[in-house]
Protein backbone atom coordinates (compact mmCIF):
# COMPACT_ATOMS: atom_id res chain seq x y z
CA MET A 1 37.09 -15.83 -65.27
CA PRO A 2 39.51 -18.01 -63.27
CA SER A 3 38.92 -18.38 -59.58
CA PRO A 4 41.14 -16.22 -57.37
CA HIS A 5 42.37 -19.22 -55.41
CA PRO A 6 43.91 -22.23 -57.15
CA PRO A 7 42.28 -25.64 -56.63
CA GLU A 8 45.26 -26.93 -54.64
CA PHE A 9 44.91 -24.02 -52.20
CA ARG A 10 41.22 -24.83 -51.79
CA ARG A 11 41.89 -28.54 -51.25
CA ARG A 12 44.54 -27.82 -48.64
CA ALA A 13 42.27 -25.31 -46.86
CA VAL A 14 39.49 -27.92 -46.70
CA GLU A 15 41.93 -30.52 -45.35
CA LEU A 16 43.04 -28.13 -42.63
CA ALA A 17 39.43 -27.28 -41.77
CA ARG A 18 38.53 -30.95 -41.52
CA GLN A 19 41.43 -31.62 -39.15
CA GLY A 20 39.68 -29.36 -36.67
CA ASP A 21 42.88 -28.09 -35.02
CA LYS A 22 41.65 -24.50 -35.43
CA SER A 23 38.22 -22.94 -35.69
CA LEU A 24 36.99 -22.02 -39.15
CA VAL A 25 37.19 -18.35 -38.21
CA GLN A 26 40.85 -18.60 -37.14
CA LEU A 27 41.83 -20.80 -40.08
CA ALA A 28 40.16 -18.47 -42.56
CA LYS A 29 41.93 -15.51 -40.99
CA ASP A 30 45.29 -17.34 -41.21
CA LEU A 31 44.65 -18.14 -44.89
CA GLY A 32 43.52 -14.61 -45.72
CA ILE A 33 39.99 -15.56 -46.78
CA SER A 34 36.56 -15.04 -45.25
CA ARG A 35 34.98 -17.61 -42.97
CA SER A 36 32.00 -17.90 -45.32
CA CYS A 37 34.34 -18.61 -48.25
CA LEU A 38 36.04 -21.40 -46.31
CA GLN A 39 32.67 -22.73 -45.14
CA ASN A 40 31.45 -22.85 -48.77
CA TRP A 41 34.56 -24.79 -49.79
CA VAL A 42 34.07 -27.27 -46.94
CA ASN A 43 30.39 -27.73 -47.82
CA GLN A 44 31.19 -28.22 -51.53
CA ALA A 45 33.89 -30.76 -50.68
CA ALA A 46 31.38 -32.67 -48.54
CA ASP A 47 28.89 -32.65 -51.43
CA ASP A 48 31.60 -33.88 -53.80
CA ASP A 49 32.56 -36.66 -51.37
CA GLU A 50 28.93 -37.79 -51.13
CA LYS A 51 28.68 -37.71 -54.94
CA GLY A 52 25.43 -35.77 -54.84
CA GLU A 53 23.65 -38.04 -52.39
CA SER A 54 22.81 -34.99 -50.27
CA GLY A 55 20.64 -33.70 -53.10
CA ARG A 56 23.00 -30.81 -53.87
CA LEU A 57 25.11 -30.61 -57.01
CA THR A 58 28.70 -31.78 -57.03
CA SER A 59 31.41 -29.60 -58.54
CA ALA A 60 31.41 -31.73 -61.70
CA GLU A 61 27.65 -31.40 -62.01
CA LYS A 62 27.84 -27.62 -61.52
CA LYS A 63 30.49 -27.40 -64.23
CA GLU A 64 28.40 -29.54 -66.58
CA LEU A 65 25.28 -27.47 -65.87
CA ALA A 66 27.13 -24.23 -66.63
CA GLU A 67 28.40 -25.70 -69.91
CA LEU A 68 24.92 -26.93 -70.85
CA ARG A 69 23.42 -23.52 -70.13
CA ARG A 70 26.09 -21.83 -72.24
CA ARG A 71 25.44 -24.27 -75.09
CA ASN A 72 21.69 -23.77 -74.77
CA ARG A 73 22.08 -19.98 -75.10
CA GLN A 74 24.26 -20.50 -78.17
CA LEU A 75 21.72 -22.82 -79.78
CA GLU A 76 18.85 -20.44 -79.02
CA THR A 77 20.79 -17.62 -80.71
CA GLU A 78 21.53 -19.79 -83.75
CA ASN A 79 17.87 -20.84 -83.92
CA GLU A 80 16.74 -17.21 -83.84
CA ILE A 81 19.13 -16.36 -86.69
CA LEU A 82 17.79 -19.27 -88.75
CA LYS A 83 14.18 -18.19 -88.12
CA ARG A 84 14.94 -14.68 -89.32
CA ALA A 85 16.77 -15.98 -92.39
CA ALA A 86 13.88 -18.30 -93.23
CA ALA A 87 11.39 -15.43 -92.90
CA TYR A 88 13.56 -13.21 -95.11
CA PHE A 89 13.84 -15.81 -97.86
CA ALA A 90 10.16 -16.69 -97.61
CA ARG A 91 9.24 -13.03 -98.25
CA GLU A 92 11.57 -12.90 -101.20
CA ASN A 93 9.87 -15.90 -102.85
CA VAL A 94 6.38 -14.42 -102.39
CA LEU A 95 7.07 -11.09 -104.11
CA PRO A 96 5.87 -10.86 -107.74
CA LYS A 97 8.54 -10.81 -110.42
């Protein structure tokens, strides 16, 4: 599901927050988002700038992790199907003719 706010909107909101002309509460209100949402964007941008040196995942790493988890679920499903197929064919070969 696409995010409700485009990346450019997020980037601009973070830039405005970093300028410090307004408090996060006032800026979030002006932008029509919650303060916690804006704070999360600012924190994620800081993590991205540090390239993961803070110990938290960057946006790219989060995206990669989500893709790897999706692929892992797919492979587990395929593996389960293959196990069931192997068991089915093994039973068929054991039955007397």
